Amino acid sequence: MPRDAATHTAKDAPLPVRVPLATEPLGILGTLRAGRRNVLELIPEIATHAPIISNPRGKRWHMVMDPDALRRVLRDRVEDYPKSDVTKLMLAPAIGQSMFIAEGQEWLWQRRTAAPVFSHRNVANLAPVMTAAADRASARFAAAAGRAADAFDEMVTATFEVISDVTFSGNDGFDRDAVHKAIDAYIGQTAKISLLDVIGAPPWVPRPSRMLSGPGLRDMKKMADATIDRRRSEKGSNPMPDLLDLLMAGEDPKSGRKMTTEEIRDNLLTFIVAGHETTALTLSWALYLMAFDPALQDRARAEAQSILGPRTATAEDVPRLPFIRQVIDETLRLYPPAAFLSRTAQKNDELCGREVRRGDTVILPIYALHRHKKLWPNPDSFDPDRFAPGHQTDRFAFLPFGDGPRICIGANFAIQEAVIILATLLARFRFARIPGKDPKPVMILTLRPEGGVWLSVTSAESSG
């Protein structure tokens, strides 16, 4: 049963870990240090109160938290607000000109080609891979029962197993460990903000830190190209098509254009990076929040056990686990993996009464939006009932996957995977915080738990 709302939202109640937002101007060097340490420290505290903040001097920027203005940027005038040069500079070395970076017609034809890959039917067909990964994660947690385990490490393992299995089901000589290490190294170092980004240097000026990522990424791309070419020669030998098969078979319904090996590779690497990192983070933060609030953990466990009994969750169970889904949504509100987005205005415009000039940077601080005092009651508290049936929230106040035409193409895939794995784990185990070991939210490219998510693990049965 839901807990009493008064106990749940009391102002003096403990709060889950959060990022200390800036209370003083940072200056250029302070901005660089904060950006390399934790991008979210660039957000001023006032962003959780105001609809928009602007810097009209020097490198002009606007930080937007107003849902109507966000609707304009992400949906109504999306072509006038493409992804910023900084975003493209960070990601292009790893994922080329995939649909995540491409703009205009180049983006549109790729999106039309890939959309059927993530249809409800195809996503449901991939669910057995998620169920198998949940079983393997359960076995690892069972081996750790009675002691501490790093839930972040376990969830990264589980979600990478899922994405690699649904992408390259036949292995095809694809070195998964090498790919995993190359991606992790890229995110950890070369995706950090450069001083040249901070001062607004043009994109053609080389960023030295991003030139260091070459060998690992080059090897990863060569491996992917060879895998794609090998699969082409097999001509559909897989009994159940995986993401690679579906992308190879896909074509733009308007032009009939099909993706080249390079285009398939860049999009597959996008799916691998986004498909395991974001879901692993969501699950890690969800387990931390469950440990943070044992009463809500008990409630989620009761739902999972009532539906699953001793078995592992499947796609058919997902709609029957509404509270588990609420936990996932509230986790995405408090710790959105893509917590800081930016766009570059292509035309003069007006947002919240502010002049926006062509070339201005428009920042979408999703972390501040999700904790905005005027949009969410007690925004720093953990309350999954915000997402209970009947509760109304402005669609553009909750943007874990973005919105508009460029909403995350794999959102349904990620939600299905997260519900299957979380429900299975909560039905079988009890998770508790370890004093002094709470994670620290730090964003470089995604919002990661610095130091891991260390929890004590016990069997749900043996714990009573």
Protein backbone atom coordinates (compact mmCIF):
# COMPACT_ATOMS: atom_id res chain seq x y z
CA MET A 1 0.00 0.00 0.00
CA PRO A 2 1.19 3.59 -0.60
CA ARG A 3 2.75 5.22 2.40
CA ASP A 4 1.24 8.26 4.05
CA ALA A 5 2.11 11.27 1.88
CA ALA A 6 3.09 13.34 4.91
CA THR A 7 5.84 10.93 5.89
CA HIS A 8 6.96 10.73 2.30
CA THR A 9 7.38 14.43 1.63
CA ALA A 10 8.40 15.82 5.01
CA LYS A 11 10.90 18.62 4.45
CA ASP A 12 13.24 17.35 7.15
CA ALA A 13 13.30 13.81 5.75
CA PRO A 14 16.67 12.57 4.41
CA LEU A 15 17.19 13.08 0.69
CA PRO A 16 19.01 10.86 -1.79
CA VAL A 17 22.37 12.09 -3.06
CA ARG A 18 22.34 15.11 -5.33
CA VAL A 19 24.71 17.46 -7.14
CA PRO A 20 25.64 20.73 -5.40
CA LEU A 21 24.66 23.35 -7.98
CA ALA A 22 26.65 26.56 -8.47
CA THR A 23 25.81 29.53 -6.27
CA GLU A 24 28.51 31.91 -7.58
CA PRO A 25 29.67 32.86 -11.11
CA LEU A 26 32.40 30.45 -12.23
CA GLY A 27 34.41 32.44 -14.79
CA ILE A 28 36.27 30.78 -17.69
CA LEU A 29 38.75 28.71 -15.67
CA GLY A 30 36.11 27.78 -13.09
CA THR A 31 33.81 26.70 -15.90
CA LEU A 32 36.56 24.56 -17.42
CA ARG A 33 37.38 22.91 -14.08
CA ALA A 34 33.72 22.26 -13.29
CA GLY A 35 33.03 20.96 -16.80
CA ARG A 36 35.88 18.46 -16.62
CA ARG A 37 35.03 17.45 -13.05
CA ASN A 38 31.23 17.31 -13.28
CA VAL A 39 29.23 19.01 -16.05
CA LEU A 40 26.23 19.45 -13.74
CA GLU A 41 28.24 21.80 -11.52
CA LEU A 42 27.91 24.30 -14.38
CA ILE A 43 24.19 24.63 -13.57
CA PRO A 44 23.42 27.52 -11.20
CA GLU A 45 21.09 26.82 -8.28
CA ILE A 46 18.71 29.49 -9.60
CA ALA A 47 17.99 27.20 -12.57
CA THR A 48 15.73 25.18 -10.26
CA HIS A 49 13.57 28.30 -9.72
CA ALA A 50 13.70 30.33 -12.96
CA PRO A 51 12.19 29.56 -16.40
CA ILE A 52 15.30 30.77 -18.26
CA ILE A 53 18.79 32.13 -17.49
CA SER A 54 20.81 34.01 -20.11
CA ASN A 55 24.38 35.17 -20.56
CA PRO A 56 24.27 38.05 -23.07
CA ARG A 57 28.02 38.79 -23.01
CA GLY A 58 30.89 37.02 -24.73
CA LYS A 59 29.85 33.51 -25.75
CA ARG A 60 26.07 33.97 -25.54
CA TRP A 61 23.99 31.18 -24.03
CA HIS A 62 20.52 30.56 -22.62
CA MET A 63 19.64 27.87 -20.08
CA VAL A 64 16.00 26.86 -20.55
CA MET A 65 13.79 25.19 -17.93
CA ASP A 66 10.34 26.36 -19.11
CA PRO A 67 8.26 23.48 -20.57
CA ASP A 68 6.66 25.68 -23.27
CA ALA A 69 10.07 26.95 -24.40
CA LEU A 70 11.44 23.40 -24.37
CA ARG A 71 8.49 22.31 -26.51
CA ARG A 72 9.46 25.02 -29.01
CA VAL A 73 13.11 23.92 -29.10
CA LEU A 74 12.55 20.17 -29.23
CA ARG A 75 9.34 19.90 -31.26
CA ASP A 76 7.86 23.02 -32.85
CA ARG A 77 11.09 24.47 -34.28
CA VAL A 78 13.42 21.50 -33.99
CA GLU A 79 15.20 22.29 -37.29
CA ASP A 80 16.18 25.72 -35.95
CA TYR A 81 17.85 24.16 -32.90
CA PRO A 82 20.24 21.38 -34.01
CA LYS A 83 22.63 19.73 -31.59
CA SER A 84 25.46 22.00 -30.57
CA ASP A 85 28.94 21.91 -32.07
CA VAL A 86 30.34 20.82 -28.69
CA THR A 87 28.03 17.78 -28.65
CA LYS A 88 29.06 16.82 -32.17
CA LEU A 89 32.76 17.33 -31.44
CA MET A 90 32.53 15.02 -28.43
CA LEU A 91 30.60 12.22 -30.09
CA ALA A 92 31.62 12.20 -33.76
CA PRO A 93 34.96 10.37 -33.18
CA ALA A 94 33.03 7.42 -31.73
CA ILE A 95 29.76 7.34 -33.67
CA GLY A 96 30.50 9.24 -36.88
CA GLN A 97 27.51 10.74 -38.65
CA SER A 98 24.92 8.38 -37.17
CA MET A 99 21.36 9.56 -36.67
CA PHE A 100 22.26 10.81 -33.19
CA ILE A 101 24.47 13.52 -34.72
CA ALA A 102 23.16 13.93 -38.28
CA GLU A 103 20.85 16.83 -39.10
CA GLY A 104 18.18 17.66 -41.67
CA GLN A 105 17.55 15.25 -44.50
CA GLU A 106 20.58 13.12 -43.58
CA TRP A 107 19.03 12.51 -40.16
CA LEU A 108 15.52 12.06 -41.54
CA TRP A 109 16.27 9.23 -43.95
CA GLN A 110 18.32 7.37 -41.32
CA ARG A 111 15.53 7.76 -38.77
CA ARG A 112 12.91 6.48 -41.24
CA THR A 113 15.15 3.50 -42.04
CA ALA A 114 15.83 2.58 -38.40
CA ALA A 115 12.36 3.24 -36.95
CA PRO A 116 10.95 -0.24 -37.82
CA VAL A 117 13.96 -1.82 -36.07
CA PHE A 118 12.55 -0.55 -32.75
CA SER A 119 8.91 -1.37 -33.43
CA HIS A 120 6.93 -2.83 -30.52
CA ARG A 121 7.02 -6.28 -32.11
CA ASN A 122 10.79 -6.28 -32.66
CA VAL A 123 11.49 -4.98 -29.17
CA ALA A 124 9.23 -7.67 -27.67
CA ASN A 125 11.01 -10.32 -29.75
CA LEU A 126 14.31 -9.27 -28.17
CA ALA A 127 12.98 -9.63 -24.61
CA PRO A 128 14.24 -13.21 -24.08
CA VAL A 129 17.79 -11.82 -24.24
CA MET A 130 16.86 -9.40 -21.44
CA THR A 131 15.32 -12.20 -19.39
CA ALA A 132 18.48 -14.30 -19.79
CA ALA A 133 20.64 -11.35 -18.70
CA ALA A 134 18.41 -10.85 -15.65
CA ASP A 135 18.98 -14.51 -14.74
CA ARG A 136 22.76 -14.16 -15.06
CA ALA A 137 22.71 -10.96 -12.98
CA SER A 138 20.69 -12.83 -10.34
CA ALA A 139 23.30 -15.58 -10.24
CA ARG A 140 26.06 -13.02 -9.71
CA PHE A 141 24.14 -11.29 -6.91
CA ALA A 142 23.39 -14.68 -5.33
CA ALA A 143 27.13 -15.38 -5.25
CA ALA A 144 27.61 -12.03 -3.48
CA ALA A 145 24.81 -12.61 -0.93
CA GLY A 146 25.83 -11.64 2.59
CA ARG A 147 28.44 -9.14 1.48
CA ALA A 148 28.84 -5.94 -0.52
CA ALA A 149 28.47 -5.76 -4.29
CA ASP A 150 28.91 -2.91 -6.75
CA ALA A 151 25.48 -2.69 -8.37
CA PHE A 152 26.82 -0.32 -11.04
CA ASP A 153 29.43 -2.82 -12.19
CA GLU A 154 26.84 -5.60 -12.20
CA MET A 155 24.33 -3.55 -14.20
CA VAL A 156 26.95 -2.49 -16.74
CA THR A 157 27.76 -6.16 -17.22
CA ALA A 158 24.09 -7.11 -17.58
CA THR A 159 23.14 -4.38 -20.03
CA PHE A 160 26.26 -4.85 -22.14
CA GLU A 161 25.37 -8.54 -22.40
CA VAL A 162 21.92 -7.51 -23.62
CA ILE A 163 23.04 -4.97 -26.19
CA SER A 164 25.84 -7.13 -27.55
CA ASP A 165 23.54 -10.16 -27.80
CA VAL A 166 20.74 -8.28 -29.56
CA THR A 167 23.22 -6.50 -31.83
CA PHE A 168 25.61 -9.32 -32.73
CA SER A 169 23.72 -12.47 -31.74
CA GLY A 170 26.07 -14.76 -33.61
CA ASN A 171 29.24 -13.23 -32.11
CA ASP A 172 30.78 -13.11 -35.62
CA GLY A 173 34.26 -12.82 -34.14
CA PHE A 174 33.27 -9.52 -32.50
CA ASP A 175 35.48 -8.92 -29.45
CA ARG A 176 32.91 -7.62 -26.98
CA ASP A 177 35.41 -6.93 -24.21
CA ALA A 178 37.54 -4.81 -26.54
CA VAL A 179 34.50 -2.81 -27.64
CA HIS A 180 33.42 -2.33 -24.04
CA LYS A 181 36.87 -1.07 -23.00
CA ALA A 182 37.16 1.27 -25.99
CA ILE A 183 33.77 2.84 -25.25
CA ASP A 184 34.50 3.18 -21.54
CA ALA A 185 37.87 4.81 -22.19
CA TYR A 186 36.32 7.23 -24.66
CA ILE A 187 33.56 8.32 -22.26
CA GLY A 188 35.98 8.59 -19.35
CA GLN A 189 38.53 10.85 -21.01
CA THR A 190 37.92 12.23 -24.48
CA ALA A 191 34.26 13.15 -23.95
CA LYS A 192 35.26 15.79 -21.38
CA ILE A 193 34.81 19.49 -22.08
CA SER A 194 37.84 21.27 -23.55
CA LEU A 195 38.92 24.85 -22.81
CA LEU A 196 38.40 25.45 -26.53
CA ASP A 197 34.74 24.44 -26.07
CA VAL A 198 34.34 26.85 -23.15
CA ILE A 199 35.73 29.89 -25.01
CA GLY A 200 33.70 29.08 -28.13
CA ALA A 201 36.54 28.16 -30.51
CA PRO A 202 35.24 27.06 -33.93
CA PRO A 203 34.76 23.32 -34.55
CA TRP A 204 37.71 23.08 -36.96
CA VAL A 205 40.22 23.91 -34.20
CA PRO A 206 41.56 20.50 -33.00
CA ARG A 207 40.81 19.46 -29.42
CA PRO A 208 43.99 17.59 -28.34
CA SER A 209 42.29 15.36 -25.76
CA ARG A 210 39.97 13.96 -28.43
CA MET A 211 42.87 13.12 -30.71
CA LEU A 212 44.15 10.63 -28.12
CA SER A 213 41.18 8.31 -28.51
CA GLY A 214 42.23 7.09 -31.94
CA PRO A 215 43.65 3.55 -31.66
CA GLY A 216 40.90 1.96 -29.56
CA LEU A 217 38.11 3.52 -31.59
CA ARG A 218 39.78 2.69 -34.91
CA ASP A 219 40.15 -0.95 -33.91
CA MET A 220 36.54 -1.07 -32.76
CA LYS A 221 35.29 0.35 -36.06
CA LYS A 222 37.41 -2.06 -38.13
CA MET A 223 36.03 -4.96 -36.12
CA ALA A 224 32.45 -3.76 -36.65
CA ASP A 225 32.99 -3.26 -40.39
CA ALA A 226 34.36 -6.79 -40.73
CA THR A 227 31.41 -8.18 -38.79
CA ILE A 228 28.90 -6.37 -41.02
CA ASP A 229 30.61 -7.54 -44.21
CA ARG A 230 30.74 -11.11 -42.90
CA ARG A 231 27.04 -11.01 -42.02
CA ARG A 232 26.20 -9.73 -45.51
CA SER A 233 27.84 -12.80 -47.02
CA GLU A 234 25.69 -15.07 -44.82
CA LYS A 235 22.45 -13.61 -46.24
CA GLY A 236 20.02 -14.02 -43.36
CA SER A 237 21.16 -17.22 -41.68
CA ASN A 238 19.96 -16.11 -38.20
CA PRO A 239 16.66 -17.77 -37.17
CA MET A 240 15.70 -14.67 -35.14
CA PRO A 241 16.93 -11.39 -36.72
CA ASP A 242 19.06 -9.25 -34.42
CA LEU A 243 19.61 -5.48 -34.65
CA LEU A 244 22.35 -5.93 -37.22
CA ASP A 245 20.10 -8.05 -39.47
CA LEU A 246 17.24 -5.57 -39.11
CA LEU A 247 19.43 -2.56 -39.95
CA MET A 248 20.96 -4.34 -42.94
CA ALA A 249 17.50 -5.21 -44.24
CA GLY A 250 16.09 -1.75 -43.59
CA GLU A 251 15.56 0.87 -46.27
CA ASP A 252 14.14 4.37 -46.35
CA PRO A 253 10.45 3.89 -47.32
CA LYS A 254 10.49 7.13 -49.35
CA SER A 255 13.77 6.93 -51.27
CA GLY A 256 14.52 3.21 -51.08
CA ARG A 257 18.02 4.10 -49.87
CA LYS A 258 19.83 1.50 -47.75
CA MET A 259 22.64 2.08 -45.29
CA THR A 260 26.26 1.50 -46.28
CA THR A 261 28.61 -0.52 -44.09
CA GLU A 262 29.91 2.72 -42.54
CA GLU A 263 26.39 4.03 -41.83
CA ILE A 264 25.29 0.73 -40.32
CA ARG A 265 28.44 0.63 -38.18
CA ASP A 266 28.05 4.17 -36.88
CA ASN A 267 24.42 3.56 -35.93
CA LEU A 268 25.18 0.20 -34.35
CA LEU A 269 27.92 1.77 -32.24
CA THR A 270 25.43 4.48 -31.25
CA PHE A 271 22.98 1.79 -30.12
CA ILE A 272 25.75 -0.03 -28.22
CA VAL A 273 26.96 3.12 -26.44
CA ALA A 274 23.48 4.46 -25.66
CA GLY A 275 21.79 1.10 -25.27
CA HIS A 276 23.90 -0.25 -22.46
CA GLU A 277 25.26 2.85 -20.71
CA THR A 278 21.92 4.62 -20.13
CA THR A 279 20.03 1.52 -19.00
CA ALA A 280 22.87 0.42 -16.72
CA LEU A 281 22.84 3.84 -15.10
CA THR A 282 19.07 3.80 -14.64
CA LEU A 283 19.18 0.37 -13.00
CA SER A 284 22.15 1.30 -10.79
CA TRP A 285 20.47 4.47 -9.52
CA ALA A 286 17.18 2.57 -9.08
CA LEU A 287 18.87 -0.02 -6.85
CA TYR A 288 20.51 2.78 -4.85
CA LEU A 289 17.09 4.45 -4.38
CA MET A 290 15.50 1.16 -3.37
CA ALA A 291 18.21 0.73 -0.74
CA PHE A 292 17.76 4.38 0.29
CA ASP A 293 14.05 3.78 1.01
CA PRO A 294 13.48 0.25 2.39
CA ALA A 295 9.71 0.76 2.69
CA LEU A 296 9.39 1.53 -1.01
CA GLN A 297 11.71 -1.37 -1.76
CA ASP A 298 9.35 -3.68 0.16
CA ARG A 299 6.41 -2.34 -1.82
CA ALA A 300 8.19 -2.89 -5.14
CA ARG A 301 9.29 -6.38 -4.04
CA ALA A 302 5.74 -7.33 -3.08
CA GLU A 303 4.52 -6.37 -6.56
CA ALA A 304 7.35 -8.24 -8.29
CA GLN A 305 6.87 -11.40 -6.22
CA SER A 306 3.11 -11.37 -6.68
CA ILE A 307 3.52 -11.32 -10.47
CA LEU A 308 6.67 -13.39 -10.93
CA GLY A 309 6.80 -15.89 -8.08
CA PRO A 310 10.12 -17.72 -8.52
CA ARG A 311 10.48 -17.09 -12.27
CA THR A 312 12.30 -14.36 -14.19
CA ALA A 313 10.40 -11.43 -15.68
CA THR A 314 9.48 -11.42 -19.38
CA ALA A 315 8.07 -8.85 -21.81
CA GLU A 316 4.54 -10.02 -21.00
CA ASP A 317 5.06 -9.03 -17.36
CA VAL A 318 6.06 -5.43 -18.05
CA PRO A 319 2.53 -3.95 -18.19
CA ARG A 320 1.63 -5.91 -15.04
CA LEU A 321 4.37 -4.24 -12.99
CA PRO A 322 3.13 -0.63 -12.76
CA PHE A 323 4.91 0.28 -9.53
CA ILE A 324 8.24 -1.05 -10.82
CA ARG A 325 7.71 1.21 -13.84
CA GLN A 326 6.98 4.14 -11.49
CA VAL A 327 10.28 3.45 -9.71
CA ILE A 328 12.07 3.52 -13.09
CA ASP A 329 10.41 6.81 -14.07
CA GLU A 330 11.21 8.47 -10.73
CA THR A 331 14.80 7.25 -11.05
CA LEU A 332 14.97 8.83 -14.50
CA ARG A 333 13.63 12.06 -13.02
CA LEU A 334 16.21 12.25 -10.22
CA TYR A 335 19.17 10.88 -12.18
CA PRO A 336 18.53 11.29 -15.93
CA PRO A 337 21.43 9.69 -17.84
CA ALA A 338 21.39 12.51 -20.42
CA ALA A 339 21.18 15.26 -17.81
CA PHE A 340 22.65 18.18 -19.78
CA LEU A 341 21.89 18.85 -23.45
CA SER A 342 22.78 21.74 -25.72
CA ARG A 343 21.60 23.14 -29.03
CA THR A 344 22.79 25.92 -31.35
CA ALA A 345 20.20 28.43 -32.61
CA GLN A 346 20.18 28.67 -36.40
CA LYS A 347 17.75 31.60 -36.58
CA ASN A 348 16.84 34.59 -34.44
CA ASP A 349 14.06 33.65 -32.05
CA GLU A 350 12.51 34.45 -28.69
CA LEU A 351 12.25 32.11 -25.69
CA CYS A 352 10.45 33.15 -22.51
CA GLY A 353 10.58 36.75 -23.73
CA ARG A 354 14.37 36.63 -24.20
CA GLU A 355 16.07 37.45 -27.49
CA VAL A 356 17.84 34.43 -28.98
CA ARG A 357 20.29 35.23 -31.76
CA ARG A 358 21.55 32.98 -34.49
CA GLY A 359 24.62 31.18 -33.13
CA ASP A 360 23.55 31.36 -29.47
CA THR A 361 23.95 28.18 -27.43
CA VAL A 362 20.68 26.96 -25.92
CA ILE A 363 21.28 24.68 -22.93
CA LEU A 364 18.67 22.17 -21.79
CA PRO A 365 19.67 21.27 -18.21
CA ILE A 366 17.45 18.21 -17.77
CA TYR A 367 18.83 17.68 -14.25
CA ALA A 368 17.56 21.13 -13.17
CA LEU A 369 14.28 20.73 -15.08
CA HIS A 370 13.53 17.49 -13.23
CA ARG A 371 14.22 19.18 -9.88
CA HIS A 372 12.53 22.50 -10.63
CA LYS A 373 10.71 23.92 -7.61
CA LYS A 374 7.75 25.20 -9.65
CA LEU A 375 7.25 21.98 -11.61
CA TRP A 376 7.69 19.29 -8.94
CA PRO A 377 6.63 19.30 -5.26
CA ASN A 378 9.57 18.46 -2.98
CA PRO A 379 11.67 17.87 -6.09
CA ASP A 380 14.76 16.39 -4.39
CA SER A 381 12.78 13.66 -2.63
CA PHE A 382 12.27 10.13 -3.96
CA ASP A 383 8.56 9.57 -4.61
CA PRO A 384 7.55 7.07 -7.32
CA ASP A 385 3.88 7.96 -6.75
CA ARG A 386 4.49 11.11 -8.80
CA PHE A 387 4.04 8.77 -11.75
CA ALA A 388 1.01 6.87 -10.43
CA PRO A 389 -1.99 6.62 -12.78
CA GLY A 390 -4.02 9.81 -12.77
CA HIS A 391 -1.16 12.12 -11.85
CA GLN A 392 -0.73 14.87 -14.44
CA THR A 393 2.67 16.29 -15.40
CA ASP A 394 3.52 18.58 -18.30
CA ARG A 395 5.08 16.34 -20.94
CA PHE A 396 7.97 18.79 -21.38
CA ALA A 397 8.72 18.85 -17.65
CA PHE A 398 9.96 15.23 -17.80
CA LEU A 399 12.45 14.59 -20.59
CA PRO A 400 14.67 11.58 -19.82
CA PHE A 401 14.55 10.56 -23.49
CA GLY A 402 14.09 14.01 -25.02
CA ASP A 403 10.95 14.62 -27.06
CA GLY A 404 9.70 15.72 -30.45
CA PRO A 405 10.88 14.15 -33.71
CA ARG A 406 14.28 13.31 -32.21
CA ILE A 407 13.00 11.53 -29.11
CA CYS A 408 15.26 8.58 -28.26
CA ILE A 409 14.51 5.82 -30.77
CA GLY A 410 15.34 3.12 -28.21
CA ALA A 411 13.21 4.42 -25.31
CA ASN A 412 10.79 1.46 -25.34
CA PHE A 413 13.71 -0.97 -25.55
CA ALA A 414 15.35 0.67 -22.52
CA ILE A 415 12.17 0.72 -20.40
CA GLN A 416 11.37 -2.92 -21.17
CA GLU A 417 14.91 -3.99 -20.28
CA ALA A 418 14.96 -1.93 -17.05
CA VAL A 419 11.61 -3.27 -15.81
CA ILE A 420 12.54 -6.90 -16.58
CA ILE A 421 15.89 -6.72 -14.79
CA LEU A 422 14.78 -4.60 -11.81
CA ALA A 423 11.65 -6.66 -11.11
CA THR A 424 13.63 -9.90 -11.24
CA LEU A 425 16.30 -8.62 -8.86
CA LEU A 426 13.87 -7.10 -6.35
CA ALA A 427 11.81 -10.29 -6.25
CA ARG A 428 14.89 -12.29 -5.26
CA PHE A 429 17.12 -9.95 -3.24
CA ARG A 430 17.07 -7.26 -0.61
CA PHE A 431 19.47 -4.33 -1.06
CA ALA A 432 20.77 -2.09 1.74
CA ARG A 433 23.03 0.96 1.84
CA ILE A 434 26.53 0.71 3.24
CA PRO A 435 27.36 3.60 5.61
CA GLY A 436 29.75 6.08 4.03
CA LYS A 437 29.48 4.40 0.62
CA ASP A 438 26.72 6.41 -1.06
CA PRO A 439 27.49 7.11 -4.75
CA LYS A 440 28.32 10.59 -5.99
CA PRO A 441 26.40 11.79 -9.08
CA VAL A 442 28.98 12.96 -11.62
CA MET A 443 28.27 13.75 -15.26
CA ILE A 444 30.89 13.67 -17.96
CA LEU A 445 28.92 12.40 -20.95
CA THR A 446 26.28 10.62 -18.85
CA LEU A 447 25.26 10.91 -15.18
CA ARG A 448 27.34 8.22 -13.51
CA PRO A 449 27.65 7.15 -9.84
CA GLU A 450 31.27 7.98 -9.04
CA GLY A 451 32.77 5.28 -6.86
CA GLY A 452 30.13 2.75 -7.89
CA VAL A 453 26.88 1.81 -6.15
CA TRP A 454 28.00 -0.37 -3.26
CA LEU A 455 25.11 -2.19 -1.58
CA SER A 456 24.83 -5.12 0.78
CA VAL A 457 22.89 -7.96 -0.78
CA THR A 458 20.83 -10.63 0.96
CA SER A 459 18.30 -13.15 -0.27
CA ALA A 460 14.74 -11.81 -0.11
CA GLU A 461 13.68 -15.12 1.47
CA SER A 462 16.41 -15.25 4.11
CA SER A 463 15.77 -11.59 4.97
CA GLY A 464 12.18 -12.32 5.81
